[in-house]
Amino acid sequence: LVQAGGSLRLSCAASGRTFTNSAMAWFRQAPGKDREFVAAIKWSAG
């Protein structure tokens, strides 16, 4: 929980090996709504 204007840092820990051409992403979803894309990053190139 954070107030408007504040900041949070989310982390995602992955177990297992990833491919060099893999991508990781963040999505978000509210009740009764479709999941929506937030951000993505290429694992190797950035």
PDB file of all heavy atoms in Angstrom:
ATOM      1  N   LEU A   1       0.842  -1.190   0.000  1.00  0.00           N
ATOM      2  CA  LEU A   1       0.000   0.000   0.000  1.00  0.00           C
ATOM      3  C   LEU A   1       0.875   1.238   0.000  1.00  0.00           C
ATOM      4  O   LEU A   1       1.815   1.349   0.799  1.00  0.00           O
ATOM      5  CB  LEU A   1      -0.917   0.001   1.224  1.00  0.00           C
ATOM      6  CG  LEU A   1      -1.791   1.230   1.451  1.00  0.00           C
ATOM      7  CD1 LEU A   1      -2.810   1.373   0.329  1.00  0.00           C
ATOM      8  CD2 LEU A   1      -2.475   1.139   2.805  1.00  0.00           C
ATOM      9  N   VAL A   2       0.573   2.166  -0.890  1.00  0.00           N
ATOM     10  CA  VAL A   2       1.347   3.391  -0.990  1.00  0.00           C
ATOM     11  C   VAL A   2       0.408   4.545  -1.330  1.00  0.00           C
ATOM     12  O   VAL A   2      -0.631   4.346  -1.964  1.00  0.00           O
ATOM     13  CB  VAL A   2       2.466   3.253  -2.055  1.00  0.00           C
ATOM     14  CG1 VAL A   2       1.870   3.106  -3.452  1.00  0.00           C
ATOM     15  CG2 VAL A   2       3.433   4.422  -1.992  1.00  0.00           C
ATOM     16  N   GLN A   3       0.765   5.730  -0.888  1.00  0.00           N
ATOM     17  CA  GLN A   3      -0.025   6.907  -1.215  1.00  0.00           C
ATOM     18  C   GLN A   3       0.260   7.381  -2.636  1.00  0.00           C
ATOM     19  O   GLN A   3       1.343   7.145  -3.182  1.00  0.00           O
ATOM     20  CB  GLN A   3       0.274   8.046  -0.241  1.00  0.00           C
ATOM     21  CG  GLN A   3      -0.245   7.827   1.161  1.00  0.00           C
ATOM     22  CD  GLN A   3      -0.002   9.020   2.051  1.00  0.00           C
ATOM     23  OE1 GLN A   3       1.070   9.618   2.034  1.00  0.00           O
ATOM     24  NE2 GLN A   3      -1.009   9.385   2.839  1.00  0.00           N
ATOM     25  N   ALA A   4      -0.719   8.034  -3.227  1.00  0.00           N
ATOM     26  CA  ALA A   4      -0.527   8.612  -4.549  1.00  0.00           C
ATOM     27  C   ALA A   4       0.700   9.515  -4.552  1.00  0.00           C
ATOM     28  O   ALA A   4       0.918  10.296  -3.631  1.00  0.00           O
ATOM     29  CB  ALA A   4      -1.768   9.391  -4.973  1.00  0.00           C
ATOM     30  N   GLY A   5       1.496   9.384  -5.598  1.00  0.00           N
ATOM     31  CA  GLY A   5       2.733  10.128  -5.702  1.00  0.00           C
ATOM     32  C   GLY A   5       3.935   9.406  -5.153  1.00  0.00           C
ATOM     33  O   GLY A   5       5.072   9.839  -5.388  1.00  0.00           O
ATOM     34  N   GLY A   6       3.705   8.317  -4.449  1.00  0.00           N
ATOM     35  CA  GLY A   6       4.785   7.546  -3.871  1.00  0.00           C
ATOM     36  C   GLY A   6       5.382   6.561  -4.849  1.00  0.00           C
ATOM     37  O   GLY A   6       5.024   6.519  -6.028  1.00  0.00           O
ATOM     38  N   SER A   7       6.287   5.745  -4.336  1.00  0.00           N
ATOM     39  CA  SER A   7       7.025   4.801  -5.161  1.00  0.00           C
ATOM     40  C   SER A   7       7.044   3.423  -4.533  1.00  0.00           C
ATOM     41  O   SER A   7       6.979   3.269  -3.307  1.00  0.00           O
ATOM     42  CB  SER A   7       8.471   5.273  -5.361  1.00  0.00           C
ATOM     43  OG  SER A   7       8.539   6.516  -6.019  1.00  0.00           O
ATOM     44  N   LEU A   8       7.134   2.426  -5.377  1.00  0.00           N
ATOM     45  CA  LEU A   8       7.349   1.048  -4.977  1.00  0.00           C
ATOM     46  C   LEU A   8       8.291   0.400  -5.977  1.00  0.00           C
ATOM     47  O   LEU A   8       8.348   0.812  -7.139  1.00  0.00           O
ATOM     48  CB  LEU A   8       6.043   0.249  -4.937  1.00  0.00           C
ATOM     49  CG  LEU A   8       5.085   0.463  -3.770  1.00  0.00           C
ATOM     50  CD1 LEU A   8       3.793  -0.315  -4.025  1.00  0.00           C
ATOM     51  CD2 LEU A   8       5.712   0.028  -2.459  1.00  0.00           C
ATOM     52  N   ARG A   9       8.994  -0.597  -5.507  1.00  0.00           N
ATOM     53  CA  ARG A   9       9.859  -1.374  -6.387  1.00  0.00           C
ATOM     54  C   ARG A   9       9.459  -2.837  -6.285  1.00  0.00           C
ATOM     55  O   ARG A   9       9.561  -3.438  -5.214  1.00  0.00           O
ATOM     56  CB  ARG A   9      11.327  -1.201  -6.015  1.00  0.00           C
ATOM     57  CG  ARG A   9      12.288  -1.887  -6.987  1.00  0.00           C
ATOM     58  CD  ARG A   9      13.737  -1.596  -6.614  1.00  0.00           C
ATOM     59  NE  ARG A   9      14.683  -2.214  -7.534  1.00  0.00           N
ATOM     60  CZ  ARG A   9      15.116  -1.671  -8.653  1.00  0.00           C
ATOM     61  NH1 ARG A   9      14.678  -0.455  -9.005  1.00  0.00           N
ATOM     62  NH2 ARG A   9      15.991  -2.303  -9.422  1.00  0.00           N
ATOM     63  N   LEU A  10       9.007  -3.396  -7.388  1.00  0.00           N
ATOM     64  CA  LEU A  10       8.648  -4.797  -7.455  1.00  0.00           C
ATOM     65  C   LEU A  10       9.832  -5.607  -7.963  1.00  0.00           C
ATOM     66  O   LEU A  10      10.593  -5.146  -8.812  1.00  0.00           O
ATOM     67  CB  LEU A  10       7.456  -5.016  -8.388  1.00  0.00           C
ATOM     68  CG  LEU A  10       6.193  -4.207  -8.117  1.00  0.00           C
ATOM     69  CD1 LEU A  10       5.106  -4.615  -9.106  1.00  0.00           C
ATOM     70  CD2 LEU A  10       5.721  -4.387  -6.688  1.00  0.00           C
ATOM     71  N   SER A  11       9.963  -6.810  -7.440  1.00  0.00           N
ATOM     72  CA  SER A  11      11.001  -7.713  -7.896  1.00  0.00           C
ATOM     73  C   SER A  11      10.386  -9.043  -8.273  1.00  0.00           C
ATOM     74  O   SER A  11       9.386  -9.462  -7.698  1.00  0.00           O
ATOM     75  CB  SER A  11      12.066  -7.924  -6.814  1.00  0.00           C
ATOM     76  OG  SER A  11      12.777  -6.739  -6.545  1.00  0.00           O
ATOM     77  N   CYS A  12      10.992  -9.689  -9.237  1.00  0.00           N
ATOM     78  CA  CYS A  12      10.564 -11.006  -9.672  1.00  0.00           C
ATOM     79  C   CYS A  12      11.786 -11.899  -9.729  1.00  0.00           C
ATOM     80  O   CYS A  12      12.711 -11.635 -10.509  1.00  0.00           O
ATOM     81  CB  CYS A  12       9.890 -10.931 -11.041  1.00  0.00           C
ATOM     82  SG  CYS A  12       9.400 -12.527 -11.722  1.00  0.00           S
ATOM     83  N   ALA A  13      11.795 -12.923  -8.914  1.00  0.00           N
ATOM     84  CA  ALA A  13      12.892 -13.873  -8.884  1.00  0.00           C
ATOM     85  C   ALA A  13      12.537 -15.079  -9.732  1.00  0.00           C
ATOM     86  O   ALA A  13      11.471 -15.671  -9.557  1.00  0.00           O
ATOM     87  CB  ALA A  13      13.192 -14.301  -7.453  1.00  0.00           C
ATOM     88  N   ALA A  14      13.417 -15.430 -10.632  1.00  0.00           N
ATOM     89  CA  ALA A  14      13.205 -16.551 -11.536  1.00  0.00           C
ATOM     90  C   ALA A  14      14.124 -17.695 -11.162  1.00  0.00           C
ATOM     91  O   ALA A  14      15.331 -17.505 -10.987  1.00  0.00           O
ATOM     92  CB  ALA A  14      13.446 -16.145 -12.983  1.00  0.00           C
ATOM     93  N   SER A  15      13.556 -18.873 -11.035  1.00  0.00           N
ATOM     94  CA  SER A  15      14.347 -20.076 -10.833  1.00  0.00           C
ATOM     95  C   SER A  15      14.401 -20.847 -12.138  1.00  0.00           C
ATOM     96  O   SER A  15      13.423 -20.881 -12.896  1.00  0.00           O
ATOM     97  CB  SER A  15      13.765 -20.940  -9.720  1.00  0.00           C
ATOM     98  OG  SER A  15      12.451 -21.370 -10.041  1.00  0.00           O
ATOM     99  N   GLY A  16      15.523 -21.469 -12.389  1.00  0.00           N
ATOM    100  CA  GLY A  16      15.722 -22.122 -13.662  1.00  0.00           C
ATOM    101  C   GLY A  16      16.456 -21.209 -14.626  1.00  0.00           C
ATOM    102  O   GLY A  16      16.523 -19.998 -14.423  1.00  0.00           O
ATOM    103  N   ARG A  17      16.983 -21.783 -15.635  1.00  0.00           N
ATOM    104  CA  ARG A  17      17.768 -21.037 -16.605  1.00  0.00           C
ATOM    105  C   ARG A  17      16.881 -20.448 -17.689  1.00  0.00           C
ATOM    106  O   ARG A  17      15.885 -21.048 -18.093  1.00  0.00           O
ATOM    107  CB  ARG A  17      18.826 -21.948 -17.221  1.00  0.00           C
ATOM    108  CG  ARG A  17      19.857 -22.437 -16.213  1.00  0.00           C
ATOM    109  CD  ARG A  17      20.615 -23.628 -16.727  1.00  0.00           C
ATOM    110  NE  ARG A  17      21.396 -23.318 -17.919  1.00  0.00           N
ATOM    111  CZ  ARG A  17      22.125 -24.202 -18.588  1.00  0.00           C
ATOM    112  NH1 ARG A  17      22.167 -25.471 -18.163  1.00  0.00           N
ATOM    113  NH2 ARG A  17      22.793 -23.830 -19.658  1.00  0.00           N
ATOM    114  N   THR A  18      17.245 -19.274 -18.132  1.00  0.00           N
ATOM    115  CA  THR A  18      16.522 -18.602 -19.205  1.00  0.00           C
ATOM    116  C   THR A  18      17.340 -18.625 -20.478  1.00  0.00           C
ATOM    117  O   THR A  18      18.570 -18.656 -20.436  1.00  0.00           O
ATOM    118  CB  THR A  18      16.189 -17.152 -18.828  1.00  0.00           C
ATOM    119  OG1 THR A  18      17.390 -16.453 -18.499  1.00  0.00           O
ATOM    120  CG2 THR A  18      15.253 -17.112 -17.636  1.00  0.00           C
ATOM    121  N   PHE A  19      16.655 -18.609 -21.597  1.00  0.00           N
ATOM    122  CA  PHE A  19      17.331 -18.558 -22.881  1.00  0.00           C
ATOM    123  C   PHE A  19      17.860 -17.153 -23.138  1.00  0.00           C
ATOM    124  O   PHE A  19      17.322 -16.166 -22.633  1.00  0.00           O
ATOM    125  CB  PHE A  19      16.393 -18.973 -24.012  1.00  0.00           C
ATOM    126  CG  PHE A  19      15.899 -20.377 -23.913  1.00  0.00           C
ATOM    127  CD1 PHE A  19      14.543 -20.642 -23.840  1.00  0.00           C
ATOM    128  CD2 PHE A  19      16.787 -21.434 -23.899  1.00  0.00           C
ATOM    129  CE1 PHE A  19      14.086 -21.941 -23.758  1.00  0.00           C
ATOM    130  CE2 PHE A  19      16.342 -22.739 -23.814  1.00  0.00           C
ATOM    131  CZ  PHE A  19      14.989 -22.990 -23.743  1.00  0.00           C
ATOM    132  N   THR A  20      18.887 -17.064 -23.960  1.00  0.00           N
ATOM    133  CA  THR A  20      19.494 -15.768 -24.241  1.00  0.00           C
ATOM    134  C   THR A  20      18.553 -14.835 -24.986  1.00  0.00           C
ATOM    135  O   THR A  20      18.700 -13.618 -24.898  1.00  0.00           O
ATOM    136  CB  THR A  20      20.792 -15.930 -25.028  1.00  0.00           C
ATOM    137  OG1 THR A  20      20.536 -16.645 -26.244  1.00  0.00           O
ATOM    138  CG2 THR A  20      21.828 -16.697 -24.220  1.00  0.00           C
ATOM    139  N   ASN A  21      17.614 -15.379 -25.715  1.00  0.00           N
ATOM    140  CA  ASN A  21      16.669 -14.557 -26.459  1.00  0.00           C
ATOM    141  C   ASN A  21      15.332 -14.410 -25.750  1.00  0.00           C
ATOM    142  O   ASN A  21      14.344 -13.987 -26.347  1.00  0.00           O
ATOM    143  CB  ASN A  21      16.450 -15.116 -27.862  1.00  0.00           C
ATOM    144  CG  ASN A  21      15.815 -16.499 -27.853  1.00  0.00           C
ATOM    145  OD1 ASN A  21      15.772 -17.169 -26.824  1.00  0.00           O
ATOM    146  ND2 ASN A  21      15.327 -16.917 -29.009  1.00  0.00           N
ATOM    147  N   SER A  22      15.303 -14.741 -24.469  1.00  0.00           N
ATOM    148  CA  SER A  22      14.060 -14.651 -23.723  1.00  0.00           C
ATOM    149  C   SER A  22      13.741 -13.216 -23.339  1.00  0.00           C
ATOM    150  O   SER A  22      14.588 -12.327 -23.374  1.00  0.00           O
ATOM    151  CB  SER A  22      14.133 -15.519 -22.463  1.00  0.00           C
ATOM    152  OG  SER A  22      15.088 -15.002 -21.548  1.00  0.00           O
ATOM    153  N   ALA A  23      12.491 -13.002 -22.985  1.00  0.00           N
ATOM    154  CA  ALA A  23      12.040 -11.712 -22.495  1.00  0.00           C
ATOM    155  C   ALA A  23      11.291 -11.903 -21.194  1.00  0.00           C
ATOM    156  O   ALA A  23      10.646 -12.928 -20.977  1.00  0.00           O
ATOM    157  CB  ALA A  23      11.148 -11.026 -23.526  1.00  0.00           C
ATOM    158  N   MET A  24      11.381 -10.917 -20.336  1.00  0.00           N
ATOM    159  CA  MET A  24      10.599 -10.900 -19.117  1.00  0.00           C
ATOM    160  C   MET A  24       9.741  -9.654 -19.123  1.00  0.00           C
ATOM    161  O   MET A  24      10.145  -8.621 -19.665  1.00  0.00           O
ATOM    162  CB  MET A  24      11.493 -10.948 -17.877  1.00  0.00           C
ATOM    163  CG  MET A  24      12.303 -12.226 -17.774  1.00  0.00           C
ATOM    164  SD  MET A  24      13.211 -12.387 -16.209  1.00  0.00           S
ATOM    165  CE  MET A  24      11.849 -12.697 -15.066  1.00  0.00           C
ATOM    166  N   ALA A  25       8.579  -9.768 -18.540  1.00  0.00           N
ATOM    167  CA  ALA A  25       7.628  -8.677 -18.611  1.00  0.00           C
ATOM    168  C   ALA A  25       6.811  -8.588 -17.341  1.00  0.00           C
ATOM    169  O   ALA A  25       6.729  -9.536 -16.553  1.00  0.00           O
ATOM    170  CB  ALA A  25       6.694  -8.851 -19.813  1.00  0.00           C
ATOM    171  N   TRP A  26       6.213  -7.434 -17.158  1.00  0.00           N
ATOM    172  CA  TRP A  26       5.238  -7.202 -16.108  1.00  0.00           C
ATOM    173  C   TRP A  26       3.882  -6.935 -16.739  1.00  0.00           C
ATOM    174  O   TRP A  26       3.779  -6.155 -17.695  1.00  0.00           O
ATOM    175  CB  TRP A  26       5.628  -6.019 -15.226  1.00  0.00           C
ATOM    176  CG  TRP A  26       6.814  -6.278 -14.361  1.00  0.00           C
ATOM    177  CD1 TRP A  26       8.112  -5.995 -14.634  1.00  0.00           C
ATOM    178  CD2 TRP A  26       6.797  -6.883 -13.068  1.00  0.00           C
ATOM    179  NE1 TRP A  26       8.919  -6.379 -13.588  1.00  0.00           N
ATOM    180  CE2 TRP A  26       8.133  -6.928 -12.609  1.00  0.00           C
ATOM    181  CE3 TRP A  26       5.787  -7.385 -12.242  1.00  0.00           C
ATOM    182  CZ2 TRP A  26       8.484  -7.462 -11.368  1.00  0.00           C
ATOM    183  CZ3 TRP A  26       6.140  -7.917 -11.016  1.00  0.00           C
ATOM    184  CH2 TRP A  26       7.468  -7.954 -10.593  1.00  0.00           C
ATOM    185  N   PHE A  27       2.873  -7.596 -16.209  1.00  0.00           N
ATOM    186  CA  PHE A  27       1.486  -7.367 -16.565  1.00  0.00           C
ATOM    187  C   PHE A  27       0.724  -7.007 -15.299  1.00  0.00           C
ATOM    188  O   PHE A  27       1.202  -7.218 -14.191  1.00  0.00           O
ATOM    189  CB  PHE A  27       0.865  -8.611 -17.206  1.00  0.00           C
ATOM    190  CG  PHE A  27       1.408  -8.951 -18.564  1.00  0.00           C
ATOM    191  CD1 PHE A  27       2.627  -9.591 -18.707  1.00  0.00           C
ATOM    192  CD2 PHE A  27       0.687  -8.632 -19.706  1.00  0.00           C
ATOM    193  CE1 PHE A  27       3.128  -9.911 -19.947  1.00  0.00           C
ATOM    194  CE2 PHE A  27       1.176  -8.949 -20.968  1.00  0.00           C
ATOM    195  CZ  PHE A  27       2.400  -9.588 -21.083  1.00  0.00           C
ATOM    196  N   ARG A  28      -0.476  -6.488 -15.468  1.00  0.00           N
ATOM    197  CA  ARG A  28      -1.302  -6.190 -14.306  1.00  0.00           C
ATOM    198  C   ARG A  28      -2.757  -6.466 -14.633  1.00  0.00           C
ATOM    199  O   ARG A  28      -3.171  -6.438 -15.784  1.00  0.00           O
ATOM    200  CB  ARG A  28      -1.104  -4.752 -13.834  1.00  0.00           C
ATOM    201  CG  ARG A  28      -1.486  -3.679 -14.848  1.00  0.00           C
ATOM    202  CD  ARG A  28      -0.999  -2.316 -14.353  1.00  0.00           C
ATOM    203  NE  ARG A  28      -1.506  -1.225 -15.167  1.00  0.00           N
ATOM    204  CZ  ARG A  28      -1.201   0.048 -14.984  1.00  0.00           C
ATOM    205  NH1 ARG A  28      -0.377   0.399 -13.995  1.00  0.00           N
ATOM    206  NH2 ARG A  28      -1.713   0.988 -15.773  1.00  0.00           N
ATOM    207  N   GLN A  29      -3.534  -6.740 -13.584  1.00  0.00           N
ATOM    208  CA  GLN A  29      -4.920  -7.121 -13.771  1.00  0.00           C
ATOM    209  C   GLN A  29      -5.759  -6.655 -12.597  1.00  0.00           C
ATOM    210  O   GLN A  29      -5.367  -6.801 -11.441  1.00  0.00           O
ATOM    211  CB  GLN A  29      -5.036  -8.640 -13.931  1.00  0.00           C
ATOM    212  CG  GLN A  29      -6.418  -9.133 -14.299  1.00  0.00           C
ATOM    213  CD  GLN A  29      -6.416 -10.618 -14.601  1.00  0.00           C
ATOM    214  OE1 GLN A  29      -5.624 -11.376 -14.052  1.00  0.00           O
ATOM    215  NE2 GLN A  29      -7.308 -11.048 -15.492  1.00  0.00           N
ATOM    216  N   ALA A  30      -6.908  -6.099 -12.910  1.00  0.00           N
ATOM    217  CA  ALA A  30      -7.894  -5.712 -11.911  1.00  0.00           C
ATOM    218  C   ALA A  30      -9.059  -6.688 -11.966  1.00  0.00           C
ATOM    219  O   ALA A  30      -9.304  -7.312 -12.997  1.00  0.00           O
ATOM    220  CB  ALA A  30      -8.383  -4.284 -12.158  1.00  0.00           C
ATOM    221  N   PRO A  31      -9.804  -6.830 -10.867  1.00  0.00           N
ATOM    222  CA  PRO A  31     -10.930  -7.762 -10.864  1.00  0.00           C
ATOM    223  C   PRO A  31     -11.912  -7.478 -11.988  1.00  0.00           C
ATOM    224  O   PRO A  31     -12.312  -6.331 -12.205  1.00  0.00           O
ATOM    225  CB  PRO A  31     -11.575  -7.541  -9.495  1.00  0.00           C
ATOM    226  CG  PRO A  31     -10.458  -7.038  -8.642  1.00  0.00           C
ATOM    227  CD  PRO A  31      -9.614  -6.192  -9.554  1.00  0.00           C
ATOM    228  N   GLY A  32     -12.298  -8.520 -12.706  1.00  0.00           N
ATOM    229  CA  GLY A  32     -13.272  -8.391 -13.771  1.00  0.00           C
ATOM    230  C   GLY A  32     -12.753  -7.776 -15.049  1.00  0.00           C
ATOM    231  O   GLY A  32     -13.536  -7.535 -15.976  1.00  0.00           O
ATOM    232  N   LYS A  33     -11.458  -7.507 -15.129  1.00  0.00           N
ATOM    233  CA  LYS A  33     -10.883  -6.888 -16.312  1.00  0.00           C
ATOM    234  C   LYS A  33      -9.807  -7.777 -16.912  1.00  0.00           C
ATOM    235  O   LYS A  33      -9.275  -8.671 -16.255  1.00  0.00           O
ATOM    236  CB  LYS A  33     -10.298  -5.512 -15.969  1.00  0.00           C
ATOM    237  CG  LYS A  33     -11.309  -4.525 -15.429  1.00  0.00           C
ATOM    238  CD  LYS A  33     -10.679  -3.203 -15.053  1.00  0.00           C
ATOM    239  CE  LYS A  33     -10.164  -2.461 -16.264  1.00  0.00           C
ATOM    240  NZ  LYS A  33      -9.625  -1.116 -15.897  1.00  0.00           N
ATOM    241  N   ASP A  34      -9.503  -7.523 -18.175  1.00  0.00           N
ATOM    242  CA  ASP A  34      -8.448  -8.270 -18.839  1.00  0.00           C
ATOM    243  C   ASP A  34      -7.090  -7.888 -18.288  1.00  0.00           C
ATOM    244  O   ASP A  34      -6.871  -6.775 -17.825  1.00  0.00           O
ATOM    245  CB  ASP A  34      -8.472  -8.003 -20.346  1.00  0.00           C
ATOM    246  CG  ASP A  34      -9.683  -8.569 -21.042  1.00  0.00           C
ATOM    247  OD1 ASP A  34     -10.273  -9.533 -20.523  1.00  0.00           O
ATOM    248  OD2 ASP A  34     -10.038  -8.047 -22.117  1.00  0.00           O
ATOM    249  N   ARG A  35      -6.188  -8.838 -18.357  1.00  0.00           N
ATOM    250  CA  ARG A  35      -4.815  -8.554 -18.009  1.00  0.00           C
ATOM    251  C   ARG A  35      -4.229  -7.589 -19.036  1.00  0.00           C
ATOM    252  O   ARG A  35      -4.494  -7.708 -20.236  1.00  0.00           O
ATOM    253  CB  ARG A  35      -4.022  -9.857 -17.971  1.00  0.00           C
ATOM    254  CG  ARG A  35      -2.580  -9.737 -17.557  1.00  0.00           C
ATOM    255  CD  ARG A  35      -1.959 -11.122 -17.510  1.00  0.00           C
ATOM    256  NE  ARG A  35      -2.521 -11.919 -16.423  1.00  0.00           N
ATOM    257  CZ  ARG A  35      -2.485 -13.247 -16.375  1.00  0.00           C
ATOM    258  NH1 ARG A  35      -1.934 -13.935 -17.367  1.00  0.00           N
ATOM    259  NH2 ARG A  35      -3.013 -13.883 -15.335  1.00  0.00           N
ATOM    260  N   GLU A  36      -3.448  -6.620 -18.577  1.00  0.00           N
ATOM    261  CA  GLU A  36      -2.870  -5.657 -19.487  1.00  0.00           C
ATOM    262  C   GLU A  36      -1.357  -5.588 -19.337  1.00  0.00           C
ATOM    263  O   GLU A  36      -0.801  -5.772 -18.252  1.00  0.00           O
ATOM    264  CB  GLU A  36      -3.480  -4.265 -19.305  1.00  0.00           C
ATOM    265  CG  GLU A  36      -3.156  -3.574 -17.999  1.00  0.00           C
ATOM    266  CD  GLU A  36      -3.789  -2.196 -17.927  1.00  0.00           C
ATOM    267  OE1 GLU A  36      -5.018  -2.095 -18.094  1.00  0.00           O
ATOM    268  OE2 GLU A  36      -3.045  -1.210 -17.710  1.00  0.00           O
ATOM    269  N   PHE A  37      -0.722  -5.312 -20.437  1.00  0.00           N
ATOM    270  CA  PHE A  37       0.730  -5.226 -20.485  1.00  0.00           C
ATOM    271  C   PHE A  37       1.226  -3.966 -19.801  1.00  0.00           C
ATOM    272  O   PHE A  37       0.611  -2.906 -19.910  1.00  0.00           O
ATOM    273  CB  PHE A  37       1.189  -5.248 -21.948  1.00  0.00           C
ATOM    274  CG  PHE A  37       2.641  -4.941 -22.133  1.00  0.00           C
ATOM    275  CD1 PHE A  37       3.603  -5.904 -21.890  1.00  0.00           C
ATOM    276  CD2 PHE A  37       3.046  -3.688 -22.553  1.00  0.00           C
ATOM    277  CE1 PHE A  37       4.954  -5.631 -22.061  1.00  0.00           C
ATOM    278  CE2 PHE A  37       4.380  -3.394 -22.731  1.00  0.00           C
ATOM    279  CZ  PHE A  37       5.336  -4.366 -22.483  1.00  0.00           C
ATOM    280  N   VAL A  38       2.358  -4.074 -19.106  1.00  0.00           N
ATOM    281  CA  VAL A  38       2.966  -2.934 -18.436  1.00  0.00           C
ATOM    282  C   VAL A  38       4.333  -2.605 -19.040  1.00  0.00           C
ATOM    283  O   VAL A  38       4.566  -1.501 -19.514  1.00  0.00           O
ATOM    284  CB  VAL A  38       3.113  -3.182 -16.926  1.00  0.00           C
ATOM    285  CG1 VAL A  38       3.817  -2.007 -16.255  1.00  0.00           C
ATOM    286  CG2 VAL A  38       1.748  -3.422 -16.289  1.00  0.00           C
ATOM    287  N   ALA A  39       5.252  -3.563 -19.006  1.00  0.00           N
ATOM    288  CA  ALA A  39       6.612  -3.325 -19.477  1.00  0.00           C
ATOM    289  C   ALA A  39       7.289  -4.644 -19.759  1.00  0.00           C
ATOM    290  O   ALA A  39       6.960  -5.659 -19.158  1.00  0.00           O
ATOM    291  CB  ALA A  39       7.417  -2.534 -18.436  1.00  0.00           C
ATOM    292  N   ALA A  40       8.257  -4.626 -20.664  1.00  0.00           N
ATOM    293  CA  ALA A  40       9.012  -5.825 -21.005  1.00  0.00           C
ATOM    294  C   ALA A  40      10.470  -5.477 -21.216  1.00  0.00           C
ATOM    295  O   ALA A  40      10.815  -4.335 -21.543  1.00  0.00           O
ATOM    296  CB  ALA A  40       8.442  -6.485 -22.265  1.00  0.00           C
ATOM    297  N   ILE A  41      11.323  -6.464 -21.030  1.00  0.00           N
ATOM    298  CA  ILE A  41      12.752  -6.286 -21.219  1.00  0.00           C
ATOM    299  C   ILE A  41      13.349  -7.547 -21.821  1.00  0.00           C
ATOM    300  O   ILE A  41      12.991  -8.656 -21.427  1.00  0.00           O
ATOM    301  CB  ILE A  41      13.449  -5.909 -19.890  1.00  0.00           C
ATOM    302  CG1 ILE A  41      14.919  -5.557 -20.124  1.00  0.00           C
ATOM    303  CG2 ILE A  41      13.313  -7.027 -18.855  1.00  0.00           C
ATOM    304  CD1 ILE A  41      15.572  -4.885 -18.925  1.00  0.00           C
ATOM    305  N   LYS A  42      14.238  -7.374 -22.777  1.00  0.00           N
ATOM    306  CA  LYS A  42      14.996  -8.497 -23.300  1.00  0.00           C
ATOM    307  C   LYS A  42      16.062  -8.884 -22.295  1.00  0.00           C
ATOM    308  O   LYS A  42      16.784  -8.026 -21.776  1.00  0.00           O
ATOM    309  CB  LYS A  42      15.658  -8.134 -24.634  1.00  0.00           C
ATOM    310  CG  LYS A  42      14.712  -8.063 -25.822  1.00  0.00           C
ATOM    311  CD  LYS A  42      15.496  -7.860 -27.108  1.00  0.00           C
ATOM    312  CE  LYS A  42      14.588  -7.906 -28.315  1.00  0.00           C
ATOM    313  NZ  LYS A  42      15.358  -7.741 -29.576  1.00  0.00           N
ATOM    314  N   TRP A  43      16.175 -10.173 -22.025  1.00  0.00           N
ATOM    315  CA  TRP A  43      17.055 -10.629 -20.961  1.00  0.00           C
ATOM    316  C   TRP A  43      18.517 -10.316 -21.242  1.00  0.00           C
ATOM    317  O   TRP A  43      19.239  -9.878 -20.357  1.00  0.00           O
ATOM    318  CB  TRP A  43      16.868 -12.127 -20.727  1.00  0.00           C
ATOM    319  CG  TRP A  43      17.573 -12.600 -19.508  1.00  0.00           C
ATOM    320  CD1 TRP A  43      18.654 -13.429 -19.447  1.00  0.00           C
ATOM    321  CD2 TRP A  43      17.251 -12.258 -18.158  1.00  0.00           C
ATOM    322  NE1 TRP A  43      19.026 -13.630 -18.154  1.00  0.00           N
ATOM    323  CE2 TRP A  43      18.189 -12.928 -17.330  1.00  0.00           C
ATOM    324  CE3 TRP A  43      16.269 -11.464 -17.564  1.00  0.00           C
ATOM    325  CZ2 TRP A  43      18.161 -12.807 -15.943  1.00  0.00           C
ATOM    326  CZ3 TRP A  43      16.245 -11.343 -16.185  1.00  0.00           C
ATOM    327  CH2 TRP A  43      17.184 -12.013 -15.402  1.00  0.00           C
ATOM    328  N   SER A  44      18.960 -10.532 -22.458  1.00  0.00           N
ATOM    329  CA  SER A  44      20.370 -10.331 -22.780  1.00  0.00           C
ATOM    330  C   SER A  44      20.683  -8.896 -23.179  1.00  0.00           C
ATOM    331  O   SER A  44      21.594  -8.275 -22.625  1.00  0.00           O
ATOM    332  CB  SER A  44      20.795 -11.277 -23.902  1.00  0.00           C
ATOM    333  OG  SER A  44      20.766 -12.623 -23.477  1.00  0.00           O
ATOM    334  N   ALA A  45      19.957  -8.367 -24.133  1.00  0.00           N
ATOM    335  CA  ALA A  45      20.284  -7.064 -24.690  1.00  0.00           C
ATOM    336  C   ALA A  45      19.803  -5.904 -23.824  1.00  0.00           C
ATOM    337  O   ALA A  45      20.371  -4.815 -23.885  1.00  0.00           O
ATOM    338  CB  ALA A  45      19.712  -6.927 -26.091  1.00  0.00           C
ATOM    339  N   GLY A  46      18.762  -6.116 -23.053  1.00  0.00           N
ATOM    340  CA  GLY A  46      18.253  -5.072 -22.193  1.00  0.00           C
ATOM    341  C   GLY A  46      17.284  -4.106 -22.837  1.00  0.00           C
ATOM    342  O   GLY A  46      16.904  -3.112 -22.199  1.00  0.00           O
TER     343      GLY A  46
END
